[in-house]
Amino acid sequence: LQPTPSPSVPPTLSPLDPTLQPTPSPSEPPTLSPTTLPPTLQPVLAALDDDNVCLTESQCRDAAREMGFGTDNFFANDYSYVPVYGCFYKNSNAFWGTGGTTAQMSADVRGLKVRIHCT
């Protein structure tokens, strides 16, 4: 093994080096009162509303496709024996459980199943 040769050009200080620039001060001084931040969970919670339940097999298929499930990984059938209705996925497959009311199609699913919501 040969030693690593010395750099051919010595390092130079660049004006773009952030350590050479002064730290900018905040644009506004800090306040003692709490700041109002926009609610970050609102879009997430909206996606979980009953209003966003997939009500048809076609809506479910489209939502599953948007999530990356292929046509070979989408199944529609009567899963009332489970019981689960509406749109959900488990592992690498998406499912449309036929039948059921809107309440049943929006109900929480258990085990490895995850509800798919439409937008």
PDB file of N, CA and C in Angstrom:
ATOM      1  N   LEU A   1       0.830  -1.188   0.000  1.00  0.00           N
ATOM      2  CA  LEU A   1       0.000   0.000   0.000  1.00  0.00           C
ATOM      3  C   LEU A   1       0.864   1.237   0.000  1.00  0.00           C
ATOM      4  N   GLN A   2       0.473   2.171  -0.790  1.00  0.00           N
ATOM      5  CA  GLN A   2       1.183   3.447  -0.883  1.00  0.00           C
ATOM      6  C   GLN A   2       0.427   4.496  -0.065  1.00  0.00           C
ATOM      7  N   PRO A   3       1.149   5.413   0.568  1.00  0.00           N
ATOM      8  CA  PRO A   3       0.454   6.469   1.315  1.00  0.00           C
ATOM      9  C   PRO A   3      -0.343   7.357   0.361  1.00  0.00           C
ATOM     10  N   THR A   4      -1.403   7.926   0.880  1.00  0.00           N
ATOM     11  CA  THR A   4      -2.220   8.839   0.085  1.00  0.00           C
ATOM     12  C   THR A   4      -1.411  10.079  -0.214  1.00  0.00           C
ATOM     13  N   PRO A   5      -1.347  10.480  -1.499  1.00  0.00           N
ATOM     14  CA  PRO A   5      -0.553  11.676  -1.826  1.00  0.00           C
ATOM     15  C   PRO A   5      -1.192  12.934  -1.237  1.00  0.00           C
ATOM     16  N   SER A   6      -0.378  13.923  -1.026  1.00  0.00           N
ATOM     17  CA  SER A   6      -0.867  15.205  -0.519  1.00  0.00           C
ATOM     18  C   SER A   6      -1.751  15.858  -1.569  1.00  0.00           C
ATOM     19  N   PRO A   7      -2.658  16.721  -1.137  1.00  0.00           N
ATOM     20  CA  PRO A   7      -3.476  17.419  -2.143  1.00  0.00           C
ATOM     21  C   PRO A   7      -2.585  18.220  -3.084  1.00  0.00           C
ATOM     22  N   SER A   8      -2.966  18.231  -4.357  1.00  0.00           N
ATOM     23  CA  SER A   8      -2.167  18.950  -5.336  1.00  0.00           C
ATOM     24  C   SER A   8      -2.320  20.455  -5.173  1.00  0.00           C
ATOM     25  N   VAL A   9      -3.454  20.886  -4.679  1.00  0.00           N
ATOM     26  CA  VAL A   9      -3.693  22.310  -4.452  1.00  0.00           C
ATOM     27  C   VAL A   9      -4.113  22.454  -3.000  1.00  0.00           C
ATOM     28  N   PRO A  10      -3.538  23.376  -2.267  1.00  0.00           N
ATOM     29  CA  PRO A  10      -3.944  23.528  -0.867  1.00  0.00           C
ATOM     30  C   PRO A  10      -5.385  24.029  -0.783  1.00  0.00           C
ATOM     31  N   PRO A  11      -6.101  23.655   0.264  1.00  0.00           N
ATOM     32  CA  PRO A  11      -7.495  24.108   0.394  1.00  0.00           C
ATOM     33  C   PRO A  11      -7.564  25.622   0.489  1.00  0.00           C
ATOM     34  N   THR A  12      -8.619  26.177  -0.054  1.00  0.00           N
ATOM     35  CA  THR A  12      -8.836  27.626   0.008  1.00  0.00           C
ATOM     36  C   THR A  12     -10.154  27.896   0.712  1.00  0.00           C
ATOM     37  N   LEU A  13     -10.252  29.062   1.294  1.00  0.00           N
ATOM     38  CA  LEU A  13     -11.494  29.460   1.928  1.00  0.00           C
ATOM     39  C   LEU A  13     -12.396  30.063   0.871  1.00  0.00           C
ATOM     40  N   SER A  14     -13.567  29.525   0.762  1.00  0.00           N
ATOM     41  CA  SER A  14     -14.521  29.980  -0.237  1.00  0.00           C
ATOM     42  C   SER A  14     -15.496  30.964   0.392  1.00  0.00           C
ATOM     43  N   PRO A  15     -15.932  31.989  -0.355  1.00  0.00           N
ATOM     44  CA  PRO A  15     -16.936  32.904   0.210  1.00  0.00           C
ATOM     45  C   PRO A  15     -18.275  32.198   0.420  1.00  0.00           C
ATOM     46  N   LEU A  16     -18.459  31.009  -0.178  1.00  0.00           N
ATOM     47  CA  LEU A  16     -19.709  30.278   0.010  1.00  0.00           C
ATOM     48  C   LEU A  16     -19.675  29.382   1.239  1.00  0.00           C
ATOM     49  N   ASP A  17     -18.517  29.303   1.891  1.00  0.00           N
ATOM     50  CA  ASP A  17     -18.404  28.480   3.084  1.00  0.00           C
ATOM     51  C   ASP A  17     -19.292  29.073   4.173  1.00  0.00           C
ATOM     52  N   PRO A  18     -20.311  28.313   4.649  1.00  0.00           N
ATOM     53  CA  PRO A  18     -21.246  28.884   5.619  1.00  0.00           C
ATOM     54  C   PRO A  18     -20.593  29.265   6.936  1.00  0.00           C
ATOM     55  N   THR A  19     -19.447  28.716   7.250  1.00  0.00           N
ATOM     56  CA  THR A  19     -18.809  29.071   8.518  1.00  0.00           C
ATOM     57  C   THR A  19     -18.175  30.450   8.469  1.00  0.00           C
ATOM     58  N   LEU A  20     -17.984  31.009   7.282  1.00  0.00           N
ATOM     59  CA  LEU A  20     -17.372  32.323   7.170  1.00  0.00           C
ATOM     60  C   LEU A  20     -18.396  33.443   7.169  1.00  0.00           C
ATOM     61  N   GLN A  21     -19.674  33.104   7.009  1.00  0.00           N
ATOM     62  CA  GLN A  21     -20.713  34.121   6.954  1.00  0.00           C
ATOM     63  C   GLN A  21     -21.278  34.348   8.357  1.00  0.00           C
ATOM     64  N   PRO A  22     -21.655  35.587   8.667  1.00  0.00           N
ATOM     65  CA  PRO A  22     -22.272  35.832   9.976  1.00  0.00           C
ATOM     66  C   PRO A  22     -23.639  35.145  10.027  1.00  0.00           C
ATOM     67  N   THR A  23     -24.008  34.726  11.205  1.00  0.00           N
ATOM     68  CA  THR A  23     -25.313  34.109  11.392  1.00  0.00           C
ATOM     69  C   THR A  23     -26.380  35.189  11.303  1.00  0.00           C
ATOM     70  N   PRO A  24     -27.370  35.001  10.415  1.00  0.00           N
ATOM     71  CA  PRO A  24     -28.405  36.042  10.312  1.00  0.00           C
ATOM     72  C   PRO A  24     -29.283  36.042  11.568  1.00  0.00           C
ATOM     73  N   SER A  25     -29.683  37.226  11.967  1.00  0.00           N
ATOM     74  CA  SER A  25     -30.549  37.318  13.135  1.00  0.00           C
ATOM     75  C   SER A  25     -31.985  37.020  12.708  1.00  0.00           C
ATOM     76  N   PRO A  26     -32.847  36.635  13.632  1.00  0.00           N
ATOM     77  CA  PRO A  26     -34.243  36.380  13.265  1.00  0.00           C
ATOM     78  C   PRO A  26     -34.887  37.634  12.692  1.00  0.00           C
ATOM     79  N   SER A  27     -35.807  37.429  11.768  1.00  0.00           N
ATOM     80  CA  SER A  27     -36.456  38.570  11.132  1.00  0.00           C
ATOM     81  C   SER A  27     -37.352  39.307  12.116  1.00  0.00           C
ATOM     82  N   GLU A  28     -37.926  38.595  13.071  1.00  0.00           N
ATOM     83  CA  GLU A  28     -38.745  39.226  14.091  1.00  0.00           C
ATOM     84  C   GLU A  28     -38.247  38.764  15.458  1.00  0.00           C
ATOM     85  N   PRO A  29     -38.324  39.630  16.448  1.00  0.00           N
ATOM     86  CA  PRO A  29     -37.881  39.210  17.773  1.00  0.00           C
ATOM     87  C   PRO A  29     -38.846  38.167  18.338  1.00  0.00           C
ATOM     88  N   PRO A  30     -38.356  37.297  19.199  1.00  0.00           N
ATOM     89  CA  PRO A  30     -39.235  36.291  19.805  1.00  0.00           C
ATOM     90  C   PRO A  30     -40.315  36.947  20.655  1.00  0.00           C
ATOM     91  N   THR A  31     -41.459  36.292  20.739  1.00  0.00           N
ATOM     92  CA  THR A  31     -42.551  36.802  21.567  1.00  0.00           C
ATOM     93  C   THR A  31     -42.798  35.846  22.715  1.00  0.00           C
ATOM     94  N   LEU A  32     -43.408  36.352  23.764  1.00  0.00           N
ATOM     95  CA  LEU A  32     -43.736  35.520  24.906  1.00  0.00           C
ATOM     96  C   LEU A  32     -45.085  34.828  24.724  1.00  0.00           C
ATOM     97  N   SER A  33     -45.934  35.390  23.863  1.00  0.00           N
ATOM     98  CA  SER A  33     -47.248  34.782  23.666  1.00  0.00           C
ATOM     99  C   SER A  33     -47.125  33.596  22.703  1.00  0.00           C
ATOM    100  N   PRO A  34     -48.005  32.612  22.853  1.00  0.00           N
ATOM    101  CA  PRO A  34     -47.935  31.448  21.956  1.00  0.00           C
ATOM    102  C   PRO A  34     -48.257  31.838  20.532  1.00  0.00           C
ATOM    103  N   THR A  35     -47.619  31.173  19.625  1.00  0.00           N
ATOM    104  CA  THR A  35     -47.890  31.422  18.217  1.00  0.00           C
ATOM    105  C   THR A  35     -49.000  30.502  17.749  1.00  0.00           C
ATOM    106  N   THR A  36     -49.730  30.953  16.767  1.00  0.00           N
ATOM    107  CA  THR A  36     -50.813  30.143  16.213  1.00  0.00           C
ATOM    108  C   THR A  36     -50.297  29.456  14.966  1.00  0.00           C
ATOM    109  N   LEU A  37     -50.264  28.132  15.017  1.00  0.00           N
ATOM    110  CA  LEU A  37     -49.824  27.367  13.869  1.00  0.00           C
ATOM    111  C   LEU A  37     -51.032  26.739  13.195  1.00  0.00           C
ATOM    112  N   PRO A  38     -50.986  26.603  11.875  1.00  0.00           N
ATOM    113  CA  PRO A  38     -52.110  25.940  11.213  1.00  0.00           C
ATOM    114  C   PRO A  38     -52.186  24.485  11.656  1.00  0.00           C
ATOM    115  N   PRO A  39     -53.384  23.951  11.785  1.00  0.00           N
ATOM    116  CA  PRO A  39     -53.501  22.552  12.221  1.00  0.00           C
ATOM    117  C   PRO A  39     -52.949  21.607  11.161  1.00  0.00           C
ATOM    118  N   THR A  40     -51.955  20.849  11.525  1.00  0.00           N
ATOM    119  CA  THR A  40     -51.318  19.965  10.554  1.00  0.00           C
ATOM    120  C   THR A  40     -52.054  18.653  10.386  1.00  0.00           C
ATOM    121  N   LEU A  41     -52.864  18.254  11.364  1.00  0.00           N
ATOM    122  CA  LEU A  41     -53.566  16.983  11.259  1.00  0.00           C
ATOM    123  C   LEU A  41     -54.893  17.095  10.510  1.00  0.00           C
ATOM    124  N   GLN A  42     -55.316  18.299  10.185  1.00  0.00           N
ATOM    125  CA  GLN A  42     -56.612  18.466   9.542  1.00  0.00           C
ATOM    126  C   GLN A  42     -56.735  17.662   8.252  1.00  0.00           C
ATOM    127  N   PRO A  43     -55.782  17.736   7.310  1.00  0.00           N
ATOM    128  CA  PRO A  43     -55.928  16.928   6.099  1.00  0.00           C
ATOM    129  C   PRO A  43     -55.914  15.426   6.392  1.00  0.00           C
ATOM    130  N   VAL A  44     -55.127  15.005   7.356  1.00  0.00           N
ATOM    131  CA  VAL A  44     -55.062  13.585   7.695  1.00  0.00           C
ATOM    132  C   VAL A  44     -56.388  13.137   8.273  1.00  0.00           C
ATOM    133  N   LEU A  45     -56.932  13.924   9.196  1.00  0.00           N
ATOM    134  CA  LEU A  45     -58.201  13.554   9.800  1.00  0.00           C
ATOM    135  C   LEU A  45     -59.330  13.607   8.782  1.00  0.00           C
ATOM    136  N   ALA A  46     -59.264  14.548   7.843  1.00  0.00           N
ATOM    137  CA  ALA A  46     -60.296  14.622   6.808  1.00  0.00           C
ATOM    138  C   ALA A  46     -60.303  13.356   5.966  1.00  0.00           C
ATOM    139  N   ALA A  47     -59.128  12.789   5.741  1.00  0.00           N
ATOM    140  CA  ALA A  47     -59.049  11.567   4.941  1.00  0.00           C
ATOM    141  C   ALA A  47     -59.670  10.391   5.664  1.00  0.00           C
ATOM    142  N   LEU A  48     -59.848  10.504   6.979  1.00  0.00           N
ATOM    143  CA  LEU A  48     -60.419   9.411   7.747  1.00  0.00           C
ATOM    144  C   LEU A  48     -61.900   9.607   8.038  1.00  0.00           C
ATOM    145  N   ASP A  49     -62.496  10.708   7.552  1.00  0.00           N
ATOM    146  CA  ASP A  49     -63.922  10.949   7.757  1.00  0.00           C
ATOM    147  C   ASP A  49     -64.758   9.922   7.029  1.00  0.00           C
ATOM    148  N   ASP A  50     -65.970   9.710   7.537  1.00  0.00           N
ATOM    149  CA  ASP A  50     -66.907   8.832   6.849  1.00  0.00           C
ATOM    150  C   ASP A  50     -67.252   9.361   5.462  1.00  0.00           C
ATOM    151  N   ASP A  51     -67.120  10.682   5.266  1.00  0.00           N
ATOM    152  CA  ASP A  51     -67.417  11.270   3.962  1.00  0.00           C
ATOM    153  C   ASP A  51     -66.465  10.747   2.889  1.00  0.00           C
ATOM    154  N   ASN A  52     -65.320  10.238   3.291  1.00  0.00           N
ATOM    155  CA  ASN A  52     -64.320   9.787   2.330  1.00  0.00           C
ATOM    156  C   ASN A  52     -64.296   8.271   2.177  1.00  0.00           C
ATOM    157  N   VAL A  53     -65.362   7.641   2.562  1.00  0.00           N
ATOM    158  CA  VAL A  53     -65.441   6.190   2.433  1.00  0.00           C
ATOM    159  C   VAL A  53     -65.694   5.849   0.964  1.00  0.00           C
ATOM    160  N   CYS A  54     -64.985   4.854   0.473  1.00  0.00           N
ATOM    161  CA  CYS A  54     -65.256   4.363  -0.883  1.00  0.00           C
ATOM    162  C   CYS A  54     -66.593   3.635  -0.848  1.00  0.00           C
ATOM    163  N   LEU A  55     -67.538   4.085  -1.664  1.00  0.00           N
ATOM    164  CA  LEU A  55     -68.874   3.505  -1.653  1.00  0.00           C
ATOM    165  C   LEU A  55     -69.116   2.539  -2.799  1.00  0.00           C
ATOM    166  N   THR A  56     -68.184   2.486  -3.750  1.00  0.00           N
ATOM    167  CA  THR A  56     -68.346   1.568  -4.874  1.00  0.00           C
ATOM    168  C   THR A  56     -67.054   0.808  -5.110  1.00  0.00           C
ATOM    169  N   GLU A  57     -67.181  -0.313  -5.772  1.00  0.00           N
ATOM    170  CA  GLU A  57     -66.002  -1.103  -6.127  1.00  0.00           C
ATOM    171  C   GLU A  57     -65.073  -0.298  -7.026  1.00  0.00           C
ATOM    172  N   SER A  58     -65.655   0.480  -7.935  1.00  0.00           N
ATOM    173  CA  SER A  58     -64.848   1.293  -8.849  1.00  0.00           C
ATOM    174  C   SER A  58     -64.025   2.333  -8.085  1.00  0.00           C
ATOM    175  N   GLN A  59     -64.646   3.013  -7.117  1.00  0.00           N
ATOM    176  CA  GLN A  59     -63.911   3.989  -6.303  1.00  0.00           C
ATOM    177  C   GLN A  59     -62.780   3.303  -5.544  1.00  0.00           C
ATOM    178  N   CYS A  60     -63.076   2.127  -5.015  1.00  0.00           N
ATOM    179  CA  CYS A  60     -62.074   1.374  -4.254  1.00  0.00           C
ATOM    180  C   CYS A  60     -60.911   0.975  -5.149  1.00  0.00           C
ATOM    181  N   ARG A  61     -61.235   0.480  -6.333  1.00  0.00           N
ATOM    182  CA  ARG A  61     -60.193   0.059  -7.277  1.00  0.00           C
ATOM    183  C   ARG A  61     -59.291   1.238  -7.629  1.00  0.00           C
ATOM    184  N   ASP A  62     -59.904   2.419  -7.881  1.00  0.00           N
ATOM    185  CA  ASP A  62     -59.120   3.614  -8.211  1.00  0.00           C
ATOM    186  C   ASP A  62     -58.228   4.041  -7.045  1.00  0.00           C
ATOM    187  N   ALA A  63     -58.781   4.021  -5.826  1.00  0.00           N
ATOM    188  CA  ALA A  63     -57.995   4.408  -4.644  1.00  0.00           C
ATOM    189  C   ALA A  63     -56.852   3.424  -4.423  1.00  0.00           C
ATOM    190  N   ALA A  64     -57.127   2.133  -4.619  1.00  0.00           N
ATOM    191  CA  ALA A  64     -56.082   1.116  -4.457  1.00  0.00           C
ATOM    192  C   ALA A  64     -54.989   1.305  -5.508  1.00  0.00           C
ATOM    193  N   ARG A  65     -55.385   1.626  -6.730  1.00  0.00           N
ATOM    194  CA  ARG A  65     -54.410   1.861  -7.796  1.00  0.00           C
ATOM    195  C   ARG A  65     -53.527   3.055  -7.457  1.00  0.00           C
ATOM    196  N   GLU A  66     -54.135   4.127  -6.900  1.00  0.00           N
ATOM    197  CA  GLU A  66     -53.360   5.308  -6.503  1.00  0.00           C
ATOM    198  C   GLU A  66     -52.365   4.975  -5.393  1.00  0.00           C
ATOM    199  N   MET A  67     -52.685   3.972  -4.596  1.00  0.00           N
ATOM    200  CA  MET A  67     -51.790   3.553  -3.517  1.00  0.00           C
ATOM    201  C   MET A  67     -50.712   2.594  -4.014  1.00  0.00           C
ATOM    202  N   GLY A  68     -50.791   2.184  -5.278  1.00  0.00           N
ATOM    203  CA  GLY A  68     -49.756   1.330  -5.843  1.00  0.00           C
ATOM    204  C   GLY A  68     -50.134  -0.128  -5.985  1.00  0.00           C
ATOM    205  N   PHE A  69     -51.383  -0.481  -5.665  1.00  0.00           N
ATOM    206  CA  PHE A  69     -51.815  -1.861  -5.849  1.00  0.00           C
ATOM    207  C   PHE A  69     -52.136  -2.087  -7.323  1.00  0.00           C
ATOM    208  N   GLY A  70     -51.622  -3.155  -7.886  1.00  0.00           N
ATOM    209  CA  GLY A  70     -51.879  -3.479  -9.280  1.00  0.00           C
ATOM    210  C   GLY A  70     -53.196  -4.208  -9.450  1.00  0.00           C
ATOM    211  N   THR A  71     -53.624  -4.367 -10.696  1.00  0.00           N
ATOM    212  CA  THR A  71     -54.892  -5.046 -10.969  1.00  0.00           C
ATOM    213  C   THR A  71     -54.849  -6.507 -10.529  1.00  0.00           C
ATOM    214  N   ASP A  72     -53.658  -7.109 -10.522  1.00  0.00           N
ATOM    215  CA  ASP A  72     -53.528  -8.498 -10.068  1.00  0.00           C
ATOM    216  C   ASP A  72     -53.602  -8.617  -8.550  1.00  0.00           C
ATOM    217  N   ASN A  73     -53.590  -7.468  -7.859  1.00  0.00           N
ATOM    218  CA  ASN A  73     -53.620  -7.468  -6.395  1.00  0.00           C
ATOM    219  C   ASN A  73     -54.895  -6.843  -5.859  1.00  0.00           C
ATOM    220  N   PHE A  74     -55.961  -6.844  -6.670  1.00  0.00           N
ATOM    221  CA  PHE A  74     -57.246  -6.288  -6.248  1.00  0.00           C
ATOM    222  C   PHE A  74     -58.304  -7.374  -6.372  1.00  0.00           C
ATOM    223  N   PHE A  75     -59.061  -7.572  -5.286  1.00  0.00           N
ATOM    224  CA  PHE A  75     -60.055  -8.637  -5.259  1.00  0.00           C
ATOM    225  C   PHE A  75     -61.372  -8.091  -4.714  1.00  0.00           C
ATOM    226  N   ALA A  76     -62.469  -8.444  -5.372  1.00  0.00           N
ATOM    227  CA  ALA A  76     -63.805  -8.075  -4.904  1.00  0.00           C
ATOM    228  C   ALA A  76     -64.583  -9.354  -4.660  1.00  0.00           C
ATOM    229  N   ASN A  77     -65.179  -9.427  -3.447  1.00  0.00           N
ATOM    230  CA  ASN A  77     -65.899 -10.643  -3.106  1.00  0.00           C
ATOM    231  C   ASN A  77     -66.747 -10.380  -1.864  1.00  0.00           C
ATOM    232  N   ASP A  78     -67.516 -11.370  -1.476  1.00  0.00           N
ATOM    233  CA  ASP A  78     -68.297 -11.310  -0.251  1.00  0.00           C
ATOM    234  C   ASP A  78     -67.405 -11.768   0.896  1.00  0.00           C
ATOM    235  N   TYR A  79     -67.006 -10.812   1.750  1.00  0.00           N
ATOM    236  CA  TYR A  79     -66.160 -11.124   2.899  1.00  0.00           C
ATOM    237  C   TYR A  79     -66.958 -10.982   4.196  1.00  0.00           C
ATOM    238  N   SER A  80     -68.287 -11.150   4.114  1.00  0.00           N
ATOM    239  CA  SER A  80     -69.122 -10.972   5.296  1.00  0.00           C
ATOM    240  C   SER A  80     -68.814 -12.007   6.376  1.00  0.00           C
ATOM    241  N   TYR A  81     -68.213 -13.119   6.001  1.00  0.00           N
ATOM    242  CA  TYR A  81     -67.841 -14.138   6.985  1.00  0.00           C
ATOM    243  C   TYR A  81     -66.688 -13.666   7.863  1.00  0.00           C
ATOM    244  N   VAL A  82     -65.968 -12.597   7.434  1.00  0.00           N
ATOM    245  CA  VAL A  82     -64.795 -12.143   8.187  1.00  0.00           C
ATOM    246  C   VAL A  82     -65.190 -11.412   9.479  1.00  0.00           C
ATOM    247  N   PRO A  83     -66.111 -10.530   9.623  1.00  0.00           N
ATOM    248  CA  PRO A  83     -66.854  -9.762   8.628  1.00  0.00           C
ATOM    249  C   PRO A  83     -66.147  -8.440   8.336  1.00  0.00           C
ATOM    250  N   VAL A  84     -66.064  -8.103   7.069  1.00  0.00           N
ATOM    251  CA  VAL A  84     -65.526  -6.802   6.659  1.00  0.00           C
ATOM    252  C   VAL A  84     -66.187  -6.421   5.339  1.00  0.00           C
ATOM    253  N   TYR A  85     -66.533  -5.137   5.245  1.00  0.00           N
ATOM    254  CA  TYR A  85     -67.207  -4.610   4.064  1.00  0.00           C
ATOM    255  C   TYR A  85     -66.436  -3.400   3.560  1.00  0.00           C
ATOM    256  N   GLY A  86     -66.612  -3.096   2.292  1.00  0.00           N
ATOM    257  CA  GLY A  86     -65.997  -1.904   1.725  1.00  0.00           C
ATOM    258  C   GLY A  86     -64.555  -2.131   1.329  1.00  0.00           C
ATOM    259  N   CYS A  87     -63.813  -1.046   1.313  1.00  0.00           N
ATOM    260  CA  CYS A  87     -62.470  -1.019   0.733  1.00  0.00           C
ATOM    261  C   CYS A  87     -61.407  -1.146   1.830  1.00  0.00           C
ATOM    262  N   PHE A  88     -60.491  -2.091   1.649  1.00  0.00           N
ATOM    263  CA  PHE A  88     -59.417  -2.276   2.618  1.00  0.00           C
ATOM    264  C   PHE A  88     -58.257  -3.009   1.948  1.00  0.00           C
ATOM    265  N   TYR A  89     -57.125  -3.001   2.623  1.00  0.00           N
ATOM    266  CA  TYR A  89     -56.011  -3.811   2.142  1.00  0.00           C
ATOM    267  C   TYR A  89     -55.436  -4.621   3.281  1.00  0.00           C
ATOM    268  N   LYS A  90     -54.789  -5.689   2.885  1.00  0.00           N
ATOM    269  CA  LYS A  90     -54.091  -6.557   3.831  1.00  0.00           C
ATOM    270  C   LYS A  90     -52.844  -7.049   3.124  1.00  0.00           C
ATOM    271  N   ASN A  91     -51.705  -6.806   3.755  1.00  0.00           N
ATOM    272  CA  ASN A  91     -50.408  -7.165   3.175  1.00  0.00           C
ATOM    273  C   ASN A  91     -50.270  -6.504   1.805  1.00  0.00           C
ATOM    274  N   SER A  92     -50.098  -7.256   0.748  1.00  0.00           N
ATOM    275  CA  SER A  92     -49.864  -6.657  -0.573  1.00  0.00           C
ATOM    276  C   SER A  92     -51.083  -6.751  -1.481  1.00  0.00           C
ATOM    277  N   ASN A  93     -52.275  -6.923  -0.897  1.00  0.00           N
ATOM    278  CA  ASN A  93     -53.493  -7.029  -1.699  1.00  0.00           C
ATOM    279  C   ASN A  93     -54.545  -6.044  -1.212  1.00  0.00           C
ATOM    280  N   ALA A  94     -55.332  -5.516  -2.165  1.00  0.00           N
ATOM    281  CA  ALA A  94     -56.451  -4.632  -1.862  1.00  0.00           C
ATOM    282  C   ALA A  94     -57.740  -5.393  -2.115  1.00  0.00           C
ATOM    283  N   PHE A  95     -58.785  -5.051  -1.334  1.00  0.00           N
ATOM    284  CA  PHE A  95     -60.029  -5.791  -1.404  1.00  0.00           C
ATOM    285  C   PHE A  95     -61.233  -4.862  -1.391  1.00  0.00           C
ATOM    286  N   TRP A  96     -62.298  -5.297  -2.067  1.00  0.00           N
ATOM    287  CA  TRP A  96     -63.612  -4.672  -1.959  1.00  0.00           C
ATOM    288  C   TRP A  96     -64.540  -5.734  -1.408  1.00  0.00           C
ATOM    289  N   GLY A  97     -64.997  -5.513  -0.179  1.00  0.00           N
ATOM    290  CA  GLY A  97     -65.955  -6.428   0.441  1.00  0.00           C
ATOM    291  C   GLY A  97     -67.364  -6.003   0.077  1.00  0.00           C
ATOM    292  N   THR A  98     -68.065  -6.823  -0.686  1.00  0.00           N
ATOM    293  CA  THR A  98     -69.390  -6.463  -1.171  1.00  0.00           C
ATOM    294  C   THR A  98     -70.405  -6.450  -0.037  1.00  0.00           C
ATOM    295  N   GLY A  99     -71.487  -5.702  -0.274  1.00  0.00           N
ATOM    296  CA  GLY A  99     -72.559  -5.615   0.705  1.00  0.00           C
ATOM    297  C   GLY A  99     -72.209  -4.654   1.825  1.00  0.00           C
ATOM    298  N   GLY A 100     -73.054  -4.614   2.826  1.00  0.00           N
ATOM    299  CA  GLY A 100     -72.801  -3.764   3.978  1.00  0.00           C
ATOM    300  C   GLY A 100     -73.374  -2.374   3.825  1.00  0.00           C
ATOM    301  N   THR A 101     -73.583  -1.746   4.948  1.00  0.00           N
ATOM    302  CA  THR A 101     -74.078  -0.373   4.985  1.00  0.00           C
ATOM    303  C   THR A 101     -72.892   0.588   4.940  1.00  0.00           C
ATOM    304  N   THR A 102     -73.193   1.869   4.789  1.00  0.00           N
ATOM    305  CA  THR A 102     -72.119   2.868   4.829  1.00  0.00           C
ATOM    306  C   THR A 102     -71.382   2.806   6.162  1.00  0.00           C
ATOM    307  N   ALA A 103     -72.108   2.593   7.243  1.00  0.00           N
ATOM    308  CA  ALA A 103     -71.467   2.482   8.560  1.00  0.00           C
ATOM    309  C   ALA A 103     -70.532   1.276   8.606  1.00  0.00           C
ATOM    310  N   GLN A 104     -70.955   0.160   8.019  1.00  0.00           N
ATOM    311  CA  GLN A 104     -70.096  -1.024   8.008  1.00  0.00           C
ATOM    312  C   GLN A 104     -68.886  -0.821   7.098  1.00  0.00           C
ATOM    313  N   MET A 105     -69.085  -0.077   5.992  1.00  0.00           N
ATOM    314  CA  MET A 105     -67.970   0.175   5.075  1.00  0.00           C
ATOM    315  C   MET A 105     -66.970   1.170   5.642  1.00  0.00           C
ATOM    316  N   SER A 106     -67.384   1.957   6.646  1.00  0.00           N
ATOM    317  CA  SER A 106     -66.460   2.927   7.250  1.00  0.00           C
ATOM    318  C   SER A 106     -65.959   2.467   8.617  1.00  0.00           C
ATOM    319  N   ALA A 107     -66.441   1.322   9.084  1.00  0.00           N
ATOM    320  CA  ALA A 107     -66.038   0.823  10.401  1.00  0.00           C
ATOM    321  C   ALA A 107     -64.555   0.461  10.412  1.00  0.00           C
ATOM    322  N   ASP A 108     -63.963   0.550  11.592  1.00  0.00           N
ATOM    323  CA  ASP A 108     -62.571   0.141  11.739  1.00  0.00           C
ATOM    324  C   ASP A 108     -62.433  -1.333  11.378  1.00  0.00           C
ATOM    325  N   VAL A 109     -61.316  -1.670  10.802  1.00  0.00           N
ATOM    326  CA  VAL A 109     -61.014  -3.064  10.481  1.00  0.00           C
ATOM    327  C   VAL A 109     -59.941  -3.539  11.457  1.00  0.00           C
ATOM    328  N   ARG A 110     -59.872  -4.828  11.650  1.00  0.00           N
ATOM    329  CA  ARG A 110     -58.970  -5.370  12.674  1.00  0.00           C
ATOM    330  C   ARG A 110     -57.898  -6.253  12.074  1.00  0.00           C
ATOM    331  N   GLY A 111     -56.936  -6.571  12.914  1.00  0.00           N
ATOM    332  CA  GLY A 111     -55.855  -7.449  12.484  1.00  0.00           C
ATOM    333  C   GLY A 111     -54.913  -6.731  11.535  1.00  0.00           C
ATOM    334  N   LEU A 112     -54.527  -7.410  10.493  1.00  0.00           N
ATOM    335  CA  LEU A 112     -53.595  -6.841   9.515  1.00  0.00           C
ATOM    336  C   LEU A 112     -54.300  -6.011   8.453  1.00  0.00           C
ATOM    337  N   LYS A 113     -55.623  -5.948   8.512  1.00  0.00           N
ATOM    338  CA  LYS A 113     -56.388  -5.189   7.512  1.00  0.00           C
ATOM    339  C   LYS A 113     -56.309  -3.690   7.816  1.00  0.00           C
ATOM    340  N   VAL A 114     -56.278  -2.877   6.745  1.00  0.00           N
ATOM    341  CA  VAL A 114     -56.241  -1.417   6.870  1.00  0.00           C
ATOM    342  C   VAL A 114     -57.288  -0.845   5.925  1.00  0.00           C
ATOM    343  N   ARG A 115     -58.129   0.050   6.436  1.00  0.00           N
ATOM    344  CA  ARG A 115     -59.176   0.676   5.634  1.00  0.00           C
ATOM    345  C   ARG A 115     -58.543   1.588   4.576  1.00  0.00           C
ATOM    346  N   ILE A 116     -59.044   1.513   3.353  1.00  0.00           N
ATOM    347  CA  ILE A 116     -58.642   2.431   2.285  1.00  0.00           C
ATOM    348  C   ILE A 116     -59.725   3.496   2.184  1.00  0.00           C
ATOM    349  N   HIS A 117     -59.353   4.755   2.217  1.00  0.00           N
ATOM    350  CA  HIS A 117     -60.290   5.861   2.092  1.00  0.00           C
ATOM    351  C   HIS A 117     -60.133   6.511   0.730  1.00  0.00           C
ATOM    352  N   CYS A 118     -61.248   6.933   0.173  1.00  0.00           N
ATOM    353  CA  CYS A 118     -61.249   7.633  -1.105  1.00  0.00           C
ATOM    354  C   CYS A 118     -61.164   9.140  -0.852  1.00  0.00           C
ATOM    355  N   THR A 119     -60.695   9.849  -1.843  1.00  0.00           N
ATOM    356  CA  THR A 119     -60.578  11.309  -1.690  1.00  0.00           C
ATOM    357  C   THR A 119     -61.660  12.007  -2.471  1.00  0.00           C
TER     358      THR A 119
END
